[in-house]
């Protein structure tokens, strides 16, 4: 974001613009300073998490179930925290205020998974993504989550990443899969099963 000073009715006001032009040459700034290529592994990792957050936001706007919307909204907030950590190189963490990682949410997600699975039939084959529009969207979110996880694993192979981020993304993809199954069960729609 870029700020300019403008005069309105004799008063000076701060005008902020969304465009800064600082990224026009393919570089972006990280938390704590420093500029890197937009193709940098760190940028790719937090970019994938940002895309996941956008997909969850779309799901929140589409779902008719309050419980699902509430839980997805919690995870959207969590993903901002993950993104902030991913956008901050190790050397900058000592002088940048970062939100706490949502480590307690992993146990909550496991509890939600356990509760949901207790109401579902046992898996006997692979499930083809689909069913209700909401279930299909949850499967899409799951695949975006797995892509984000792979980007973080790739970053971790080259720079240190807090292991809590990987645990969170791994559990979130499991939760999205189970939520997709729940959505189909609620609608009374048989899960599409893979038949090789």
C-alpha atoms as a PDB file:
ATOM      1  CA  UNK A   1       0.000   0.000   0.000  1.00  0.00           C
ATOM      2  CA  UNK A   2       1.235   3.507  -0.859  1.00  0.00           C
ATOM      3  CA  UNK A   3       0.406   6.691   1.040  1.00  0.00           C
ATOM      4  CA  UNK A   4       0.310  10.222  -0.378  1.00  0.00           C
ATOM      5  CA  UNK A   5      -0.590  13.538   1.178  1.00  0.00           C
ATOM      6  CA  UNK A   6      -3.479  15.391  -0.499  1.00  0.00           C
ATOM      7  CA  UNK A   7      -5.212  18.701   0.222  1.00  0.00           C
ATOM      8  CA  UNK A   8      -9.008  18.493   0.540  1.00  0.00           C
ATOM      9  CA  UNK A   9     -11.020  21.628   1.445  1.00  0.00           C
ATOM     10  CA  UNK A  10      -7.874  23.198   2.844  1.00  0.00           C
ATOM     11  CA  UNK A  11      -7.032  20.190   5.054  1.00  0.00           C
ATOM     12  CA  UNK A  12      -4.163  17.794   4.539  1.00  0.00           C
ATOM     13  CA  UNK A  13      -5.309  14.183   4.428  1.00  0.00           C
ATOM     14  CA  UNK A  14      -3.481  10.909   3.968  1.00  0.00           C
ATOM     15  CA  UNK A  15      -4.508   9.078   0.800  1.00  0.00           C
ATOM     16  CA  UNK A  16      -3.656   5.379   0.595  1.00  0.00           C
ATOM     17  CA  UNK A  17      -3.496   3.515  -2.666  1.00  0.00           C
ATOM     18  CA  UNK A  18      -3.497  -0.245  -3.149  1.00  0.00           C
ATOM     19  CA  UNK A  19      -0.847  -0.033  -5.817  1.00  0.00           C
ATOM     20  CA  UNK A  20       2.724   0.808  -4.860  1.00  0.00           C
ATOM     21  CA  UNK A  21       4.487   0.033  -8.152  1.00  0.00           C
ATOM     22  CA  UNK A  22       7.294  -1.537  -6.102  1.00  0.00           C
ATOM     23  CA  UNK A  23       6.433  -4.988  -7.447  1.00  0.00           C
ATOM     24  CA  UNK A  24       6.388  -4.017 -11.099  1.00  0.00           C
ATOM     25  CA  UNK A  25       9.745  -5.684 -11.701  1.00  0.00           C
ATOM     26  CA  UNK A  26       8.771  -9.022 -10.162  1.00  0.00           C
ATOM     27  CA  UNK A  27      10.003  -8.422  -6.613  1.00  0.00           C
ATOM     28  CA  UNK A  28       8.110  -8.195  -3.331  1.00  0.00           C
ATOM     29  CA  UNK A  29       8.903  -7.267   0.255  1.00  0.00           C
ATOM     30  CA  UNK A  30       9.033  -9.695   3.159  1.00  0.00           C
ATOM     31  CA  UNK A  31       8.074  -8.988   6.784  1.00  0.00           C
ATOM     32  CA  UNK A  32      11.107  -7.641   8.559  1.00  0.00           C
ATOM     33  CA  UNK A  33      12.546  -6.126   5.390  1.00  0.00           C
ATOM     34  CA  UNK A  34      14.276  -7.406   2.345  1.00  0.00           C
ATOM     35  CA  UNK A  35      12.996  -7.863  -1.178  1.00  0.00           C
ATOM     36  CA  UNK A  36      12.911 -11.124  -3.089  1.00  0.00           C
ATOM     37  CA  UNK A  37      11.644 -12.434  -6.397  1.00  0.00           C
ATOM     38  CA  UNK A  38       7.928 -13.188  -6.516  1.00  0.00           C
ATOM     39  CA  UNK A  39       9.031 -16.667  -7.617  1.00  0.00           C
ATOM     40  CA  UNK A  40      10.929 -17.156  -4.323  1.00  0.00           C
ATOM     41  CA  UNK A  41      10.051 -20.318  -2.366  1.00  0.00           C
ATOM     42  CA  UNK A  42       8.962 -18.291   0.662  1.00  0.00           C
ATOM     43  CA  UNK A  43       6.616 -16.172  -1.471  1.00  0.00           C
ATOM     44  CA  UNK A  44       5.259 -19.320  -3.133  1.00  0.00           C
ATOM     45  CA  UNK A  45       4.550 -20.890   0.264  1.00  0.00           C
ATOM     46  CA  UNK A  46       2.637 -17.975   1.738  1.00  0.00           C
ATOM     47  CA  UNK A  47       0.956 -17.379  -1.623  1.00  0.00           C
ATOM     48  CA  UNK A  48      -0.443 -20.922  -1.582  1.00  0.00           C
ATOM     49  CA  UNK A  49      -1.683 -20.374   1.982  1.00  0.00           C
ATOM     50  CA  UNK A  50      -3.315 -17.127   0.831  1.00  0.00           C
ATOM     51  CA  UNK A  51      -5.074 -18.978  -2.013  1.00  0.00           C
ATOM     52  CA  UNK A  52      -6.297 -21.578   0.476  1.00  0.00           C
ATOM     53  CA  UNK A  53      -7.664 -18.772   2.649  1.00  0.00           C
ATOM     54  CA  UNK A  54      -9.534 -17.348  -0.344  1.00  0.00           C
ATOM     55  CA  UNK A  55     -11.035 -20.756  -1.147  1.00  0.00           C
ATOM     56  CA  UNK A  56     -12.178 -21.119   2.472  1.00  0.00           C
ATOM     57  CA  UNK A  57     -13.721 -17.635   2.256  1.00  0.00           C
ATOM     58  CA  UNK A  58     -15.637 -18.717  -0.812  1.00  0.00           C
ATOM     59  CA  UNK A  59     -16.798 -21.838   1.039  1.00  0.00           C
ATOM     60  CA  UNK A  60     -17.986 -19.721   3.985  1.00  0.00           C
ATOM     61  CA  UNK A  61     -20.080 -17.649   1.585  1.00  0.00           C
ATOM     62  CA  UNK A  62     -21.563 -20.758  -0.084  1.00  0.00           C
ATOM     63  CA  UNK A  63     -22.316 -23.077   2.825  1.00  0.00           C
ATOM     64  CA  UNK A  64     -25.749 -23.264   4.414  1.00  0.00           C
ATOM     65  CA  UNK A  65     -24.443 -24.850   7.637  1.00  0.00           C
ATOM     66  CA  UNK A  66     -23.600 -22.545  10.525  1.00  0.00           C
ATOM     67  CA  UNK A  67     -21.200 -25.027  12.136  1.00  0.00           C
ATOM     68  CA  UNK A  68     -19.163 -25.364   8.967  1.00  0.00           C
ATOM     69  CA  UNK A  69     -19.093 -21.596   8.350  1.00  0.00           C
ATOM     70  CA  UNK A  70     -17.969 -20.916  11.929  1.00  0.00           C
ATOM     71  CA  UNK A  71     -15.145 -23.455  11.813  1.00  0.00           C
ATOM     72  CA  UNK A  72     -13.942 -22.343   8.384  1.00  0.00           C
ATOM     73  CA  UNK A  73     -13.916 -18.704   9.551  1.00  0.00           C
ATOM     74  CA  UNK A  74     -11.701 -19.721  12.498  1.00  0.00           C
ATOM     75  CA  UNK A  75      -9.318 -21.439  10.108  1.00  0.00           C
ATOM     76  CA  UNK A  76      -9.218 -18.377   7.864  1.00  0.00           C
ATOM     77  CA  UNK A  77      -7.908 -16.349  10.790  1.00  0.00           C
ATOM     78  CA  UNK A  78      -5.401 -19.114  11.543  1.00  0.00           C
ATOM     79  CA  UNK A  79      -4.153 -19.043   7.965  1.00  0.00           C
ATOM     80  CA  UNK A  80      -3.333 -15.337   8.270  1.00  0.00           C
ATOM     81  CA  UNK A  81      -1.086 -16.229  11.203  1.00  0.00           C
ATOM     82  CA  UNK A  82       0.577 -19.027   9.234  1.00  0.00           C
ATOM     83  CA  UNK A  83       1.079 -16.666   6.295  1.00  0.00           C
ATOM     84  CA  UNK A  84       2.692 -14.038   8.521  1.00  0.00           C
ATOM     85  CA  UNK A  85       5.218 -16.580   9.790  1.00  0.00           C
ATOM     86  CA  UNK A  86       5.922 -17.847   6.283  1.00  0.00           C
ATOM     87  CA  UNK A  87       6.429 -14.263   5.040  1.00  0.00           C
ATOM     88  CA  UNK A  88       9.066 -13.588   7.703  1.00  0.00           C
ATOM     89  CA  UNK A  89      12.605 -14.872   7.109  1.00  0.00           C
ATOM     90  CA  UNK A  90      14.344 -16.445  10.102  1.00  0.00           C
ATOM     91  CA  UNK A  91      16.724 -13.533  10.667  1.00  0.00           C
ATOM     92  CA  UNK A  92      13.879 -11.004  10.818  1.00  0.00           C
ATOM     93  CA  UNK A  93      11.827 -12.833  13.459  1.00  0.00           C
ATOM     94  CA  UNK A  94      13.659 -11.229  16.365  1.00  0.00           C
ATOM     95  CA  UNK A  95      12.484  -7.713  15.483  1.00  0.00           C
ATOM     96  CA  UNK A  96       9.049  -8.340  13.949  1.00  0.00           C
ATOM     97  CA  UNK A  97       5.911  -8.878  16.033  1.00  0.00           C
ATOM     98  CA  UNK A  98       4.265 -12.040  14.744  1.00  0.00           C
ATOM     99  CA  UNK A  99       0.899 -13.469  15.802  1.00  0.00           C
ATOM    100  CA  UNK A 100       1.083 -16.730  17.703  1.00  0.00           C
ATOM    101  CA  UNK A 101       0.805 -19.877  15.630  1.00  0.00           C
ATOM    102  CA  UNK A 102      -2.556 -21.607  16.237  1.00  0.00           C
ATOM    103  CA  UNK A 103      -1.004 -24.775  17.679  1.00  0.00           C
ATOM    104  CA  UNK A 104      -4.003 -25.514  19.941  1.00  0.00           C
ATOM    105  CA  UNK A 105      -6.275 -25.614  16.895  1.00  0.00           C
ATOM    106  CA  UNK A 106      -4.685 -28.888  15.755  1.00  0.00           C
ATOM    107  CA  UNK A 107      -6.168 -30.734  18.737  1.00  0.00           C
ATOM    108  CA  UNK A 108      -9.523 -29.048  18.066  1.00  0.00           C
ATOM    109  CA  UNK A 109      -9.438 -30.177  14.439  1.00  0.00           C
ATOM    110  CA  UNK A 110      -8.636 -33.736  15.532  1.00  0.00           C
ATOM    111  CA  UNK A 111     -11.638 -33.627  17.861  1.00  0.00           C
ATOM    112  CA  UNK A 112     -13.881 -32.352  15.048  1.00  0.00           C
ATOM    113  CA  UNK A 113     -12.596 -35.115  12.774  1.00  0.00           C
ATOM    114  CA  UNK A 114     -13.232 -37.790  15.417  1.00  0.00           C
ATOM    115  CA  UNK A 115     -16.748 -36.490  16.113  1.00  0.00           C
ATOM    116  CA  UNK A 116     -17.603 -36.366  12.413  1.00  0.00           C
ATOM    117  CA  UNK A 117     -16.170 -39.801  11.616  1.00  0.00           C
ATOM    118  CA  UNK A 118     -18.276 -41.325  14.383  1.00  0.00           C
ATOM    119  CA  UNK A 119     -21.351 -40.382  12.329  1.00  0.00           C
ATOM    120  CA  UNK A 120     -20.037 -41.599   8.960  1.00  0.00           C
ATOM    121  CA  UNK A 121     -19.814 -45.052   7.425  1.00  0.00           C
ATOM    122  CA  UNK A 122     -16.344 -46.592   7.365  1.00  0.00           C
ATOM    123  CA  UNK A 123     -14.300 -45.954   4.237  1.00  0.00           C
ATOM    124  CA  UNK A 124     -14.064 -49.056   2.081  1.00  0.00           C
ATOM    125  CA  UNK A 125     -12.768 -47.475  -1.124  1.00  0.00           C
ATOM    126  CA  UNK A 126     -11.385 -44.239  -2.507  1.00  0.00           C
ATOM    127  CA  UNK A 127     -13.941 -41.461  -2.837  1.00  0.00           C
ATOM    128  CA  UNK A 128     -14.189 -39.495  -6.069  1.00  0.00           C
ATOM    129  CA  UNK A 129     -14.438 -35.772  -5.227  1.00  0.00           C
ATOM    130  CA  UNK A 130     -18.015 -34.651  -5.764  1.00  0.00           C
ATOM    131  CA  UNK A 131     -21.510 -35.044  -4.426  1.00  0.00           C
ATOM    132  CA  UNK A 132     -23.199 -31.826  -3.317  1.00  0.00           C
ATOM    133  CA  UNK A 133     -21.760 -28.510  -4.504  1.00  0.00           C
ATOM    134  CA  UNK A 134     -20.556 -27.856  -0.947  1.00  0.00           C
ATOM    135  CA  UNK A 135     -18.846 -31.264  -0.688  1.00  0.00           C
ATOM    136  CA  UNK A 136     -17.188 -30.779  -4.074  1.00  0.00           C
ATOM    137  CA  UNK A 137     -15.981 -27.341  -2.954  1.00  0.00           C
ATOM    138  CA  UNK A 138     -14.561 -28.834   0.248  1.00  0.00           C
ATOM    139  CA  UNK A 139     -12.648 -31.378  -1.833  1.00  0.00           C
ATOM    140  CA  UNK A 140     -11.284 -28.511  -3.927  1.00  0.00           C
ATOM    141  CA  UNK A 141     -10.199 -26.734  -0.731  1.00  0.00           C
ATOM    142  CA  UNK A 142      -8.538 -29.969   0.419  1.00  0.00           C
ATOM    143  CA  UNK A 143      -6.439 -30.154  -2.750  1.00  0.00           C
ATOM    144  CA  UNK A 144      -5.448 -26.484  -2.456  1.00  0.00           C
ATOM    145  CA  UNK A 145      -4.465 -27.206   1.161  1.00  0.00           C
ATOM    146  CA  UNK A 146      -2.284 -30.125   0.040  1.00  0.00           C
ATOM    147  CA  UNK A 147      -0.617 -27.878  -2.551  1.00  0.00           C
ATOM    148  CA  UNK A 148       0.082 -25.295   0.154  1.00  0.00           C
ATOM    149  CA  UNK A 149       1.523 -28.052   2.317  1.00  0.00           C
ATOM    150  CA  UNK A 150       3.831 -29.164  -0.516  1.00  0.00           C
ATOM    151  CA  UNK A 151       5.045 -25.578  -0.994  1.00  0.00           C
ATOM    152  CA  UNK A 152       5.834 -25.307   2.728  1.00  0.00           C
ATOM    153  CA  UNK A 153       7.650 -28.667   2.651  1.00  0.00           C
ATOM    154  CA  UNK A 154       9.707 -27.369  -0.287  1.00  0.00           C
ATOM    155  CA  UNK A 155      10.534 -24.167   1.617  1.00  0.00           C
ATOM    156  CA  UNK A 156      11.450 -26.216   4.698  1.00  0.00           C
ATOM    157  CA  UNK A 157      13.964 -28.181   2.617  1.00  0.00           C
ATOM    158  CA  UNK A 158      15.858 -24.926   2.001  1.00  0.00           C
ATOM    159  CA  UNK A 159      15.051 -22.678   4.973  1.00  0.00           C
ATOM    160  CA  UNK A 160      13.822 -23.354   8.473  1.00  0.00           C
ATOM    161  CA  UNK A 161      10.026 -23.501   8.869  1.00  0.00           C
ATOM    162  CA  UNK A 162       8.246 -23.911  12.186  1.00  0.00           C
ATOM    163  CA  UNK A 163       7.052 -27.554  12.223  1.00  0.00           C
ATOM    164  CA  UNK A 164       3.713 -26.414  13.664  1.00  0.00           C
ATOM    165  CA  UNK A 165       2.839 -24.944  10.251  1.00  0.00           C
ATOM    166  CA  UNK A 166       3.209 -28.317   8.532  1.00  0.00           C
ATOM    167  CA  UNK A 167       1.220 -30.101  11.234  1.00  0.00           C
ATOM    168  CA  UNK A 168      -1.575 -27.532  10.927  1.00  0.00           C
ATOM    169  CA  UNK A 169      -1.849 -27.822   7.137  1.00  0.00           C
ATOM    170  CA  UNK A 170      -1.733 -31.623   7.248  1.00  0.00           C
ATOM    171  CA  UNK A 171      -4.555 -31.788   9.780  1.00  0.00           C
ATOM    172  CA  UNK A 172      -6.581 -29.133   7.969  1.00  0.00           C
ATOM    173  CA  UNK A 173      -6.570 -31.167   4.751  1.00  0.00           C
ATOM    174  CA  UNK A 174      -7.809 -34.201   6.711  1.00  0.00           C
ATOM    175  CA  UNK A 175     -10.570 -32.084   8.238  1.00  0.00           C
ATOM    176  CA  UNK A 176     -11.672 -30.725   4.862  1.00  0.00           C
ATOM    177  CA  UNK A 177     -11.919 -34.287   3.528  1.00  0.00           C
ATOM    178  CA  UNK A 178     -14.101 -35.360   6.447  1.00  0.00           C
ATOM    179  CA  UNK A 179     -16.238 -32.223   6.188  1.00  0.00           C
ATOM    180  CA  UNK A 180     -16.859 -33.086   2.509  1.00  0.00           C
ATOM    181  CA  UNK A 181     -18.091 -36.512   3.582  1.00  0.00           C
ATOM    182  CA  UNK A 182     -20.333 -34.911   6.225  1.00  0.00           C
ATOM    183  CA  UNK A 183     -21.854 -32.546   3.667  1.00  0.00           C
ATOM    184  CA  UNK A 184     -22.813 -35.461   1.416  1.00  0.00           C
ATOM    185  CA  UNK A 185     -24.187 -37.455   4.364  1.00  0.00           C
ATOM    186  CA  UNK A 186     -26.331 -34.509   5.501  1.00  0.00           C
ATOM    187  CA  UNK A 187     -27.777 -34.203   2.015  1.00  0.00           C
ATOM    188  CA  UNK A 188     -28.452 -37.953   1.823  1.00  0.00           C
ATOM    189  CA  UNK A 189     -26.190 -38.251  -1.216  1.00  0.00           C
ATOM    190  CA  UNK A 190     -24.136 -41.411  -1.652  1.00  0.00           C
ATOM    191  CA  UNK A 191     -20.438 -40.697  -1.894  1.00  0.00           C
ATOM    192  CA  UNK A 192     -19.097 -41.224  -5.399  1.00  0.00           C
ATOM    193  CA  UNK A 193     -16.718 -44.178  -5.097  1.00  0.00           C
ATOM    194  CA  UNK A 194     -13.782 -44.951  -7.332  1.00  0.00           C
ATOM    195  CA  UNK A 195     -14.384 -48.071  -9.376  1.00  0.00           C
ATOM    196  CA  UNK A 196     -11.221 -49.054 -11.266  1.00  0.00           C
END
